[in-house]
N, C-alpha and C. Protein backbone atom coordinates (compact mmCIF):
# COMPACT_ATOMS: atom_id res chain seq x y z
N MET A 1 -77.45 111.49 -48.41
CA MET A 1 -77.54 112.94 -48.44
C MET A 1 -78.23 113.41 -47.16
N ALA A 2 -77.65 114.39 -46.50
CA ALA A 2 -78.19 114.91 -45.25
C ALA A 2 -79.39 115.81 -45.52
N ASP A 3 -80.36 115.76 -44.62
CA ASP A 3 -81.53 116.62 -44.71
C ASP A 3 -81.29 117.81 -43.79
N ASN A 4 -81.12 118.99 -44.37
CA ASN A 4 -80.78 120.19 -43.60
C ASN A 4 -82.00 121.01 -43.21
N ARG A 5 -83.16 120.42 -43.17
CA ARG A 5 -84.38 121.15 -42.84
C ARG A 5 -84.41 121.50 -41.36
N LEU A 6 -85.02 122.65 -41.07
CA LEU A 6 -85.17 123.08 -39.68
C LEU A 6 -86.24 122.28 -38.96
N TYR A 7 -87.30 121.89 -39.68
CA TYR A 7 -88.45 121.24 -39.06
C TYR A 7 -88.76 119.92 -39.75
N ARG A 8 -89.28 119.00 -38.97
CA ARG A 8 -89.71 117.70 -39.49
C ARG A 8 -90.93 117.91 -40.39
N ARG A 9 -90.94 117.23 -41.52
CA ARG A 9 -92.05 117.32 -42.46
C ARG A 9 -93.00 116.14 -42.26
N VAL A 10 -94.28 116.41 -42.48
CA VAL A 10 -95.28 115.36 -42.57
C VAL A 10 -95.63 115.24 -44.04
N ILE A 11 -95.42 114.04 -44.59
CA ILE A 11 -95.63 113.81 -46.02
C ILE A 11 -97.00 113.17 -46.25
N PHE A 12 -97.68 113.62 -47.29
CA PHE A 12 -99.02 113.13 -47.62
C PHE A 12 -98.99 112.43 -48.97
N SER A 13 -99.66 111.30 -49.04
CA SER A 13 -99.79 110.61 -50.32
C SER A 13 -101.02 111.16 -51.04
N ALA A 14 -101.13 110.85 -52.32
CA ALA A 14 -102.30 111.30 -53.09
C ALA A 14 -103.58 110.74 -52.50
N GLU A 15 -103.51 109.55 -51.91
CA GLU A 15 -104.70 108.92 -51.33
C GLU A 15 -105.21 109.67 -50.10
N ASP A 16 -104.34 110.44 -49.45
CA ASP A 16 -104.76 111.22 -48.27
C ASP A 16 -105.79 112.28 -48.61
N LYS A 17 -105.75 112.76 -49.83
CA LYS A 17 -106.68 113.81 -50.29
C LYS A 17 -106.62 115.05 -49.42
N THR A 18 -105.45 115.34 -48.88
CA THR A 18 -105.25 116.56 -48.12
C THR A 18 -105.00 117.69 -49.11
N ALA A 19 -105.73 118.80 -48.96
CA ALA A 19 -105.67 119.88 -49.94
C ALA A 19 -105.72 121.24 -49.25
N VAL A 20 -105.41 122.25 -50.02
CA VAL A 20 -105.48 123.63 -49.53
C VAL A 20 -106.24 124.49 -50.53
N ASN A 21 -106.83 125.52 -50.00
CA ASN A 21 -107.35 126.61 -50.81
C ASN A 21 -106.44 127.79 -50.55
N PHE A 22 -105.98 128.45 -51.61
CA PHE A 22 -105.12 129.60 -51.42
C PHE A 22 -105.47 130.69 -52.41
N TYR A 23 -105.12 131.91 -52.02
CA TYR A 23 -105.36 133.06 -52.88
C TYR A 23 -104.08 133.35 -53.65
N ASP A 24 -104.22 133.44 -54.98
CA ASP A 24 -103.09 133.71 -55.86
C ASP A 24 -103.19 135.15 -56.35
N PHE A 25 -102.24 135.98 -55.96
CA PHE A 25 -102.27 137.39 -56.34
C PHE A 25 -102.12 137.58 -57.85
N ASN A 26 -101.38 136.68 -58.52
CA ASN A 26 -101.18 136.82 -59.97
C ASN A 26 -102.48 136.68 -60.74
N SER A 27 -103.34 135.77 -60.34
CA SER A 27 -104.59 135.54 -61.07
C SER A 27 -105.79 136.20 -60.38
N ASP A 28 -105.58 136.67 -59.15
CA ASP A 28 -106.67 137.26 -58.36
C ASP A 28 -107.79 136.24 -58.15
N LYS A 29 -107.40 134.97 -57.93
CA LYS A 29 -108.38 133.90 -57.75
C LYS A 29 -108.02 133.05 -56.53
N ILE A 30 -109.04 132.36 -56.04
CA ILE A 30 -108.81 131.34 -55.02
C ILE A 30 -108.63 130.02 -55.75
N LEU A 31 -107.51 129.34 -55.49
CA LEU A 31 -107.17 128.11 -56.18
C LEU A 31 -107.11 126.95 -55.19
N TYR A 32 -107.17 125.74 -55.74
CA TYR A 32 -107.18 124.50 -54.98
C TYR A 32 -105.93 123.72 -55.36
N ALA A 33 -105.24 123.16 -54.38
CA ALA A 33 -104.04 122.36 -54.66
C ALA A 33 -103.94 121.22 -53.66
N LYS A 34 -103.26 120.16 -54.06
CA LYS A 34 -102.99 119.03 -53.17
C LYS A 34 -101.77 119.34 -52.31
N VAL A 35 -101.81 118.85 -51.07
CA VAL A 35 -100.67 119.02 -50.17
C VAL A 35 -99.72 117.84 -50.36
N VAL A 36 -98.46 118.14 -50.57
CA VAL A 36 -97.41 117.12 -50.68
C VAL A 36 -96.78 116.90 -49.31
N ASN A 37 -96.43 118.01 -48.63
CA ASN A 37 -95.91 117.91 -47.27
C ASN A 37 -96.08 119.24 -46.55
N VAL A 38 -96.01 119.16 -45.21
CA VAL A 38 -96.16 120.35 -44.36
C VAL A 38 -95.17 120.22 -43.21
N SER A 39 -94.62 121.36 -42.81
CA SER A 39 -93.82 121.42 -41.58
C SER A 39 -94.21 122.71 -40.87
N LYS A 40 -93.62 122.95 -39.72
CA LYS A 40 -93.89 124.20 -39.02
C LYS A 40 -93.36 125.40 -39.81
N GLY A 41 -92.44 125.15 -40.72
CA GLY A 41 -91.82 126.24 -41.47
C GLY A 41 -92.46 126.53 -42.82
N GLY A 42 -93.18 125.54 -43.38
CA GLY A 42 -93.73 125.78 -44.70
C GLY A 42 -94.55 124.62 -45.22
N ILE A 43 -94.89 124.72 -46.51
CA ILE A 43 -95.76 123.73 -47.14
C ILE A 43 -95.34 123.54 -48.58
N CYS A 44 -95.49 122.32 -49.06
CA CYS A 44 -95.26 122.00 -50.47
C CYS A 44 -96.60 121.55 -51.04
N ILE A 45 -97.00 122.16 -52.16
CA ILE A 45 -98.27 121.82 -52.79
C ILE A 45 -98.06 121.46 -54.25
N ALA A 46 -99.02 120.73 -54.80
CA ALA A 46 -99.02 120.38 -56.22
C ALA A 46 -100.34 120.86 -56.80
N ILE A 47 -100.24 121.59 -57.90
CA ILE A 47 -101.43 122.17 -58.51
C ILE A 47 -101.47 121.81 -59.99
N SER A 48 -102.66 121.54 -60.48
CA SER A 48 -102.85 121.22 -61.88
C SER A 48 -102.46 122.42 -62.74
N LYS A 49 -101.79 122.16 -63.85
CA LYS A 49 -101.41 123.25 -64.76
C LYS A 49 -102.64 123.97 -65.31
N ASP A 50 -103.77 123.27 -65.39
CA ASP A 50 -105.00 123.89 -65.87
C ASP A 50 -105.56 124.90 -64.88
N GLU A 51 -105.18 124.74 -63.62
CA GLU A 51 -105.74 125.55 -62.53
C GLU A 51 -105.08 126.93 -62.43
N ILE A 52 -103.82 127.01 -62.84
CA ILE A 52 -103.05 128.23 -62.60
C ILE A 52 -102.70 128.91 -63.92
N ARG A 53 -102.92 130.21 -63.98
CA ARG A 53 -102.73 130.96 -65.22
C ARG A 53 -101.25 131.28 -65.47
N ASP A 54 -100.61 131.91 -64.49
CA ASP A 54 -99.21 132.30 -64.62
C ASP A 54 -98.34 131.34 -63.82
N LEU A 55 -97.22 130.94 -64.40
CA LEU A 55 -96.32 130.06 -63.68
C LEU A 55 -95.79 130.77 -62.44
N PRO A 56 -95.81 130.10 -61.31
CA PRO A 56 -95.32 130.72 -60.07
C PRO A 56 -93.81 130.92 -60.14
N LYS A 57 -93.35 131.97 -59.46
CA LYS A 57 -91.93 132.27 -59.42
C LYS A 57 -91.47 132.42 -57.98
N ARG A 58 -90.21 132.16 -57.76
CA ARG A 58 -89.63 132.35 -56.43
C ARG A 58 -89.86 133.80 -56.00
N GLY A 59 -90.34 133.96 -54.77
CA GLY A 59 -90.60 135.29 -54.23
C GLY A 59 -92.05 135.71 -54.34
N ASP A 60 -92.84 135.05 -55.22
CA ASP A 60 -94.26 135.37 -55.32
C ASP A 60 -94.94 135.11 -53.98
N LYS A 61 -96.02 135.84 -53.73
CA LYS A 61 -96.77 135.71 -52.48
C LYS A 61 -98.11 135.02 -52.73
N LEU A 62 -98.51 134.20 -51.78
CA LEU A 62 -99.80 133.54 -51.77
C LEU A 62 -100.39 133.70 -50.38
N VAL A 63 -101.69 133.47 -50.25
CA VAL A 63 -102.31 133.43 -48.93
C VAL A 63 -102.99 132.08 -48.79
N LEU A 64 -102.54 131.29 -47.83
CA LEU A 64 -103.14 129.99 -47.54
C LEU A 64 -104.41 130.24 -46.74
N LEU A 65 -105.54 129.90 -47.33
CA LEU A 65 -106.83 130.20 -46.71
C LEU A 65 -107.36 129.07 -45.85
N LYS A 66 -107.16 127.83 -46.30
CA LYS A 66 -107.76 126.70 -45.59
C LYS A 66 -107.02 125.41 -45.91
N ILE A 67 -106.89 124.57 -44.90
CA ILE A 67 -106.38 123.21 -45.10
C ILE A 67 -107.53 122.25 -44.88
N GLU A 68 -107.70 121.32 -45.82
CA GLU A 68 -108.78 120.33 -45.73
C GLU A 68 -108.19 118.94 -45.82
N SER A 69 -108.58 118.09 -44.88
CA SER A 69 -108.09 116.72 -44.89
C SER A 69 -109.17 115.81 -44.31
N PRO A 70 -109.56 114.78 -45.06
CA PRO A 70 -110.61 113.90 -44.55
C PRO A 70 -110.19 113.13 -43.29
N ASN A 71 -108.89 112.90 -43.11
CA ASN A 71 -108.43 112.11 -41.98
C ASN A 71 -107.79 112.94 -40.87
N LYS A 72 -107.77 114.26 -41.05
CA LYS A 72 -107.13 115.12 -40.07
C LYS A 72 -108.02 116.31 -39.77
N LEU A 73 -107.43 117.32 -39.17
CA LEU A 73 -108.18 118.54 -38.85
C LEU A 73 -108.43 119.35 -40.12
N ASN A 74 -109.52 120.06 -40.14
CA ASN A 74 -109.83 121.01 -41.20
C ASN A 74 -109.97 122.37 -40.53
N PHE A 75 -109.27 123.34 -41.07
CA PHE A 75 -109.36 124.64 -40.42
C PHE A 75 -109.00 125.78 -41.37
N PRO A 76 -109.62 126.93 -41.15
CA PRO A 76 -109.21 128.13 -41.88
C PRO A 76 -107.86 128.58 -41.32
N LEU A 77 -107.04 129.16 -42.15
CA LEU A 77 -105.71 129.53 -41.69
C LEU A 77 -105.40 131.00 -41.95
N ASN A 78 -105.61 131.45 -43.17
CA ASN A 78 -105.31 132.83 -43.56
C ASN A 78 -103.87 133.18 -43.23
N ALA A 79 -102.93 132.38 -43.76
CA ALA A 79 -101.51 132.57 -43.51
C ALA A 79 -100.79 133.02 -44.78
N ASP A 80 -99.87 133.96 -44.62
CA ASP A 80 -99.08 134.43 -45.75
C ASP A 80 -98.02 133.39 -46.10
N LEU A 81 -97.82 133.20 -47.41
CA LEU A 81 -96.81 132.30 -47.92
C LEU A 81 -95.91 133.03 -48.90
N GLN A 82 -94.65 132.66 -48.92
CA GLN A 82 -93.74 133.13 -49.96
C GLN A 82 -93.19 131.92 -50.68
N ILE A 83 -93.28 131.93 -52.01
CA ILE A 83 -92.77 130.81 -52.80
C ILE A 83 -91.26 130.80 -52.73
N THR A 84 -90.69 129.65 -52.33
CA THR A 84 -89.24 129.51 -52.26
C THR A 84 -88.71 128.72 -53.45
N TRP A 85 -89.55 127.91 -54.05
CA TRP A 85 -89.18 127.20 -55.28
C TRP A 85 -90.44 126.74 -56.00
N ALA A 86 -90.30 126.53 -57.31
CA ALA A 86 -91.42 126.03 -58.12
C ALA A 86 -90.86 125.08 -59.17
N LEU A 87 -91.45 123.90 -59.25
CA LEU A 87 -91.07 122.89 -60.24
C LEU A 87 -92.10 122.95 -61.36
N THR A 88 -91.71 123.54 -62.49
CA THR A 88 -92.66 123.82 -63.56
C THR A 88 -92.32 123.07 -64.85
N ASP A 89 -91.67 121.94 -64.74
CA ASP A 89 -91.25 121.17 -65.91
C ASP A 89 -92.44 120.88 -66.83
N GLU A 90 -92.26 121.11 -68.11
CA GLU A 90 -93.34 120.94 -69.09
C GLU A 90 -93.84 119.50 -69.18
N THR A 91 -93.00 118.53 -68.85
CA THR A 91 -93.39 117.13 -68.96
C THR A 91 -94.27 116.65 -67.81
N LEU A 92 -94.35 117.44 -66.75
CA LEU A 92 -95.15 117.06 -65.58
C LEU A 92 -96.59 117.54 -65.74
N GLU A 93 -97.53 116.78 -65.18
CA GLU A 93 -98.94 117.17 -65.22
C GLU A 93 -99.27 118.27 -64.23
N GLN A 94 -98.48 118.34 -63.17
CA GLN A 94 -98.75 119.32 -62.12
C GLN A 94 -97.51 120.17 -61.88
N ILE A 95 -97.74 121.30 -61.24
CA ILE A 95 -96.67 122.19 -60.83
C ILE A 95 -96.45 121.99 -59.34
N GLY A 96 -95.21 121.79 -58.93
CA GLY A 96 -94.88 121.69 -57.52
C GLY A 96 -94.43 123.05 -57.01
N ILE A 97 -94.95 123.45 -55.87
CA ILE A 97 -94.63 124.77 -55.31
C ILE A 97 -94.25 124.59 -53.84
N GLY A 98 -93.05 125.03 -53.49
CA GLY A 98 -92.59 125.03 -52.11
C GLY A 98 -92.71 126.43 -51.55
N CYS A 99 -93.33 126.56 -50.38
CA CYS A 99 -93.57 127.87 -49.78
C CYS A 99 -93.15 127.88 -48.32
N LYS A 100 -92.71 129.03 -47.85
CA LYS A 100 -92.46 129.18 -46.42
C LYS A 100 -93.56 130.06 -45.83
N PHE A 101 -93.92 129.73 -44.58
CA PHE A 101 -94.90 130.53 -43.86
C PHE A 101 -94.26 131.86 -43.47
N GLU A 102 -95.05 132.93 -43.56
CA GLU A 102 -94.57 134.25 -43.15
C GLU A 102 -95.57 134.89 -42.19
N ASN A 103 -95.05 135.60 -41.22
CA ASN A 103 -95.88 136.40 -40.31
C ASN A 103 -97.01 135.61 -39.67
N LEU A 104 -96.72 134.38 -39.23
CA LEU A 104 -97.77 133.58 -38.59
C LEU A 104 -98.12 134.14 -37.23
N THR A 105 -99.40 134.19 -36.95
CA THR A 105 -99.85 134.57 -35.61
C THR A 105 -99.62 133.38 -34.68
N ASP A 106 -99.68 133.60 -33.40
CA ASP A 106 -99.54 132.50 -32.44
C ASP A 106 -100.66 131.48 -32.66
N HIS A 107 -101.85 131.98 -32.99
CA HIS A 107 -102.98 131.09 -33.25
C HIS A 107 -102.70 130.20 -34.48
N ASN A 108 -102.16 130.80 -35.55
CA ASN A 108 -101.81 130.03 -36.75
C ASN A 108 -100.76 128.97 -36.44
N LYS A 109 -99.74 129.35 -35.66
CA LYS A 109 -98.69 128.40 -35.30
C LYS A 109 -99.28 127.22 -34.54
N SER A 110 -100.18 127.51 -33.62
CA SER A 110 -100.83 126.47 -32.84
C SER A 110 -101.66 125.55 -33.74
N GLN A 111 -102.39 126.15 -34.71
CA GLN A 111 -103.19 125.35 -35.63
C GLN A 111 -102.31 124.39 -36.43
N ILE A 112 -101.19 124.88 -36.92
CA ILE A 112 -100.29 124.05 -37.73
C ILE A 112 -99.68 122.95 -36.87
N GLU A 113 -99.25 123.28 -35.68
CA GLU A 113 -98.68 122.27 -34.78
C GLU A 113 -99.71 121.18 -34.47
N ASP A 114 -100.95 121.57 -34.19
CA ASP A 114 -102.01 120.59 -33.93
C ASP A 114 -102.26 119.72 -35.15
N PHE A 115 -102.26 120.34 -36.32
CA PHE A 115 -102.47 119.61 -37.57
C PHE A 115 -101.38 118.56 -37.77
N LEU A 116 -100.13 118.93 -37.48
CA LEU A 116 -99.01 118.02 -37.68
C LEU A 116 -99.01 116.86 -36.69
N LEU A 117 -99.65 117.04 -35.54
CA LEU A 117 -99.68 116.00 -34.52
C LEU A 117 -100.77 114.95 -34.78
N HIS A 118 -101.79 115.30 -35.54
CA HIS A 118 -102.93 114.39 -35.75
C HIS A 118 -102.75 113.56 -37.00
């Protein structure tokens, strides 16, 4: 199967402990999630079902506040995200959320590119 992605993804294992803090407009809270993968175009995160009140839906907006990684760069980001898909299967322990970056500043783009290189 061909991969039709615009940008190369960097995939993180659970052992990487790479995580994000993001603002969820539905719950009006700052939440914590594990990073599954990141590209220049977006991010995929996994969040505990206990952490999130309302199931995310395609089109919902989030704000990515910070990326934390023990083996990579840590930086505040404050980037807008739009959910493009959400895997909310009841049998899974976590919810998978795919998001695209929106309205990135040049500084944000540079931060993400640097993060992907390290």
